[in-house]
Amino acid sequence: MIERLSATPEGIAAAAALLDAGGIAAFPTDTVYGIGCRAGDDAALARLFAAKRRPAEKQVPILAASLEQASALGYAVDDRVRALAARWWPGPLTLVLGAQEGAASRSQAFRVPDHPVALSLIERSGPLATSSANRSGEPETYDADDVLVAFADDDLLDAVVDGGRAPGGRASTVIDMSGPGARIVREGPITREQLAETVGRID
């Protein structure tokens, strides 16, 4: 049975403890509800993919509370990345960062969500590998009731933090900063022109 937790300090602490123990939880973000597990917990990530019925070879982004959390996982942060994060985080910008020694993959997408519940949870639990809280190919979820319906037929999702209705909106802009240049991977709310004001030329 999926545990429904309130978006209070006590509920967020309970969700963080569940994540620390290898669980997976859903929570609101600044677009839709997400489903996440501790970054680097391979067993929990496998459960997340199983819950979504999504191929395990597809990488998922990591939601962090700060650029320092991304760097601590072994990914490269340079002056361009710092400038982008200073201007657009928290917010609708996903940064793809290149690996340094000790990183789990050659590159990784990171974002800091602009939502108080998500940020509170990540600050307590650490960075979370996160995907949208829905079965692969099915509609996205916008509140805890949606999540409970979407994952009702198995026991892979442990809990949902009920933070009210997520605001919706466009998915984030994704920019690849893992190499010497900058490349737009996905258009979103932040335009190429706005990004170029910060990093200069974009391929």
Foldseek 3Di string as FASTA:
>chain_A
DAAEFELDPVRLLVVLVCLVVLAKEWEAFQAFIKIWHAPPSVVSLVLVCVLQVHDSVDAFAKEALAVVLVVVLFFDDDPLNVLCCVVAPQHQEWEKTAGHPNHPDRIHIYHHTPDVSVNVNCVSNPIIRIDFLAHPPDDGHFFPVSSCVRRVPDCSHHYYHGPDGRPHAWHGWYWYPHDPAIETPDDGPQHPVNSCVRVNDYD
